[in-house]
Amino acid sequence: MSAFHFRLETLLRLRMAERDERRADLAKALRAEAVLQGELRQIETEQLQARAKVREQSAPGAADVDGLLQTNRYQLALKACRGQLEGQLVQVRAELERRRQALLEADRGVRVLEKLRERQLAAHRDREVRLEIKVLDEVAASAHNRRREAAR
């Protein structure tokens, strides 16, 4: 029985390596998105705290004008930072989608070669079985002929 050899094994390994790289790229982009979302949540928390501080400082009684101005500047800085992070998040999500598509294409290329390999392996096994049956038939026929000759 001869061993099966897939002629495109090297190409299959290359495509698998490419697919693994695409997975790693996608994982990096997902981590970047998670970091940006965490930073956005942090800014939202800080914005809520700044609003609460403005409410405290605006309460009836002695008003802290410098504190209000400083808090308002801080709120503007937070708003600018949030806008920048949201813009980065849009870019990261676009990159995520591009990397997902690249991973899908790489995975599709691997699956095509794996299916081809499976079909070729099945055909190889069928040929081997047919060859084995042929050899067994010849052995049985020659044994039958020898017994018939011996019986004469």
Protein backbone atom coordinates (compact mmCIF):
# COMPACT_ATOMS: atom_id res chain seq x y z
CA MET A 1 0.00 0.00 0.00
CA SER A 2 1.51 3.31 -1.05
CA ALA A 3 1.51 6.35 1.21
CA PHE A 4 -0.70 9.28 0.32
CA HIS A 5 1.12 12.48 -0.61
CA PHE A 6 -0.79 15.74 -1.10
CA ARG A 7 1.14 17.73 -3.66
CA LEU A 8 -0.18 21.07 -2.38
CA GLU A 9 0.77 20.42 1.27
CA THR A 10 3.27 23.29 1.28
CA LEU A 11 0.67 25.70 -0.08
CA LEU A 12 -1.80 24.47 2.52
CA ARG A 13 0.71 25.12 5.32
CA LEU A 14 1.40 28.61 3.93
CA ARG A 15 -2.30 29.39 3.81
CA MET A 16 -2.75 28.10 7.35
CA ALA A 17 0.10 30.33 8.52
CA GLU A 18 -1.50 33.29 6.73
CA ARG A 19 -4.85 32.50 8.37
CA ASP A 20 -3.17 32.38 11.77
CA GLU A 21 -1.57 35.78 11.08
CA ARG A 22 -4.97 37.20 10.14
CA ARG A 23 -6.41 35.85 13.40
CA ALA A 24 -3.61 37.51 15.36
CA ASP A 25 -4.20 40.79 13.49
CA LEU A 26 -7.91 40.62 14.27
CA ALA A 27 -7.16 39.90 17.94
CA LYS A 28 -4.90 42.98 18.09
CA ALA A 29 -7.64 45.15 16.61
CA LEU A 30 -10.18 43.73 19.06
CA ARG A 31 -7.85 44.55 21.95
CA ALA A 32 -7.40 48.09 20.60
CA GLU A 33 -11.19 48.49 20.40
CA ALA A 34 -11.55 47.24 23.97
CA VAL A 35 -8.91 49.72 25.19
CA LEU A 36 -10.65 52.62 23.44
CA GLN A 37 -14.02 51.60 24.83
CA GLY A 38 -12.50 51.43 28.32
CA GLU A 39 -11.06 54.91 27.91
CA LEU A 40 -14.43 56.19 26.69
CA ARG A 41 -16.14 54.70 29.74
CA GLN A 42 -13.54 56.37 31.95
CA ILE A 43 -14.16 59.74 30.28
CA GLU A 44 -17.92 59.31 30.66
CA THR A 45 -17.41 58.65 34.37
CA GLU A 46 -15.22 61.73 34.68
CA GLN A 47 -17.82 63.80 32.81
CA LEU A 48 -20.54 62.67 35.23
CA GLN A 49 -18.31 63.57 38.15
CA ALA A 50 -17.58 67.00 36.65
CA ARG A 51 -21.31 67.66 36.18
CA ALA A 52 -21.95 66.72 39.78
CA LYS A 53 -19.17 69.07 40.86
CA VAL A 54 -20.71 71.92 38.82
CA ARG A 55 -24.06 71.27 40.53
CA GLU A 56 -22.34 71.41 43.92
CA GLN A 57 -20.49 74.62 43.05
CA SER A 58 -23.67 76.21 41.64
CA ALA A 59 -25.66 75.58 44.80
CA PRO A 60 -27.09 78.62 46.58
CA GLY A 61 -24.67 80.28 48.87
CA ALA A 62 -21.10 81.33 48.33
CA ALA A 63 -20.25 80.61 44.67
CA ASP A 64 -16.74 79.52 43.73
CA VAL A 65 -16.35 81.28 40.37
CA ASP A 66 -12.77 80.11 39.84
CA GLY A 67 -13.79 76.55 40.65
CA LEU A 68 -16.68 76.76 38.17
CA LEU A 69 -14.40 78.11 35.45
CA GLN A 70 -11.84 75.41 36.12
CA THR A 71 -14.51 72.68 36.08
CA ASN A 72 -15.97 74.05 32.83
CA ARG A 73 -12.50 74.01 31.22
CA TYR A 74 -12.05 70.46 32.43
CA GLN A 75 -15.42 69.50 30.91
CA LEU A 76 -14.39 71.03 27.58
CA ALA A 77 -11.11 69.11 27.67
CA LEU A 78 -13.01 65.89 28.42
CA LYS A 79 -15.42 66.59 25.57
CA ALA A 80 -12.52 67.14 23.13
CA CYS A 81 -10.80 63.98 24.35
CA ARG A 82 -14.03 62.02 24.00
CA GLY A 83 -14.50 63.28 20.43
CA GLN A 84 -10.96 62.23 19.56
CA LEU A 85 -11.48 58.76 21.09
CA GLU A 86 -14.78 58.33 19.26
CA GLY A 87 -13.02 59.20 15.99
CA GLN A 88 -10.31 56.65 16.75
CA LEU A 89 -12.98 54.09 17.61
CA VAL A 90 -14.63 54.61 14.21
CA GLN A 91 -11.27 54.03 12.53
CA VAL A 92 -10.55 50.95 14.63
CA ARG A 93 -13.97 49.49 13.83
CA ALA A 94 -13.38 50.03 10.11
CA GLU A 95 -10.02 48.28 10.49
CA LEU A 96 -11.72 45.50 12.45
CA GLU A 97 -14.13 44.91 9.60
CA ARG A 98 -11.29 44.89 7.08
CA ARG A 99 -9.38 42.37 9.19
CA ARG A 100 -12.47 40.20 9.60
CA GLN A 101 -12.85 40.08 5.84
CA ALA A 102 -9.17 39.22 5.43
CA LEU A 103 -9.58 36.40 7.96
CA LEU A 104 -12.65 35.09 6.13
CA GLU A 105 -10.74 35.05 2.84
CA ALA A 106 -7.74 33.31 4.40
CA ASP A 107 -10.01 30.76 6.08
CA ARG A 108 -11.82 30.14 2.81
CA GLY A 109 -8.48 29.49 1.07
CA VAL A 110 -7.53 26.94 3.73
CA ARG A 111 -10.91 25.17 3.55
CA VAL A 112 -10.68 24.87 -0.24
CA LEU A 113 -7.30 23.17 0.00
CA GLU A 114 -8.42 20.95 2.87
CA LYS A 115 -11.45 19.77 0.87
CA LEU A 116 -9.23 19.10 -2.13
CA ARG A 117 -6.89 17.12 0.11
CA GLU A 118 -9.79 15.11 1.55
CA ARG A 119 -11.10 14.29 -1.92
CA GLN A 120 -7.66 13.26 -3.13
CA LEU A 121 -7.14 11.13 -0.01
CA ALA A 122 -10.51 9.42 -0.56
CA ALA A 123 -9.63 8.77 -4.21
CA HIS A 124 -6.24 7.40 -3.14
CA ARG A 125 -7.89 5.06 -0.65
CA ASP A 126 -10.38 3.89 -3.29
CA ARG A 127 -7.52 3.11 -5.71
CA GLU A 128 -5.66 1.24 -2.96
CA VAL A 129 -8.75 -0.80 -2.09
CA ARG A 130 -9.37 -1.64 -5.75
CA LEU A 131 -5.73 -2.64 -6.16
CA GLU A 132 -5.89 -4.81 -3.05
CA ILE A 133 -9.07 -6.48 -4.30
CA LYS A 134 -7.44 -7.09 -7.68
CA VAL A 135 -4.38 -8.67 -6.02
CA LEU A 136 -6.58 -10.83 -3.78
CA ASP A 137 -8.65 -11.90 -6.78
CA GLU A 138 -5.47 -12.88 -8.65
CA VAL A 139 -4.19 -14.81 -5.62
CA ALA A 140 -7.53 -16.57 -5.24
CA ALA A 141 -7.66 -17.36 -8.97
CA SER A 142 -4.12 -18.76 -9.00
CA ALA A 143 -4.86 -20.79 -5.85
CA HIS A 144 -8.01 -22.12 -7.49
CA ASN A 145 -6.06 -23.00 -10.64
CA ARG A 146 -3.38 -24.78 -8.59
CA ARG A 147 -6.00 -26.82 -6.70
CA ARG A 148 -7.72 -27.71 -9.96
CA GLU A 149 -4.39 -28.76 -11.51
CA ALA A 150 -3.52 -30.75 -8.41
CA ALA A 151 -6.91 -32.49 -8.50
CA ARG A 152 -6.28 -33.75 -12.06
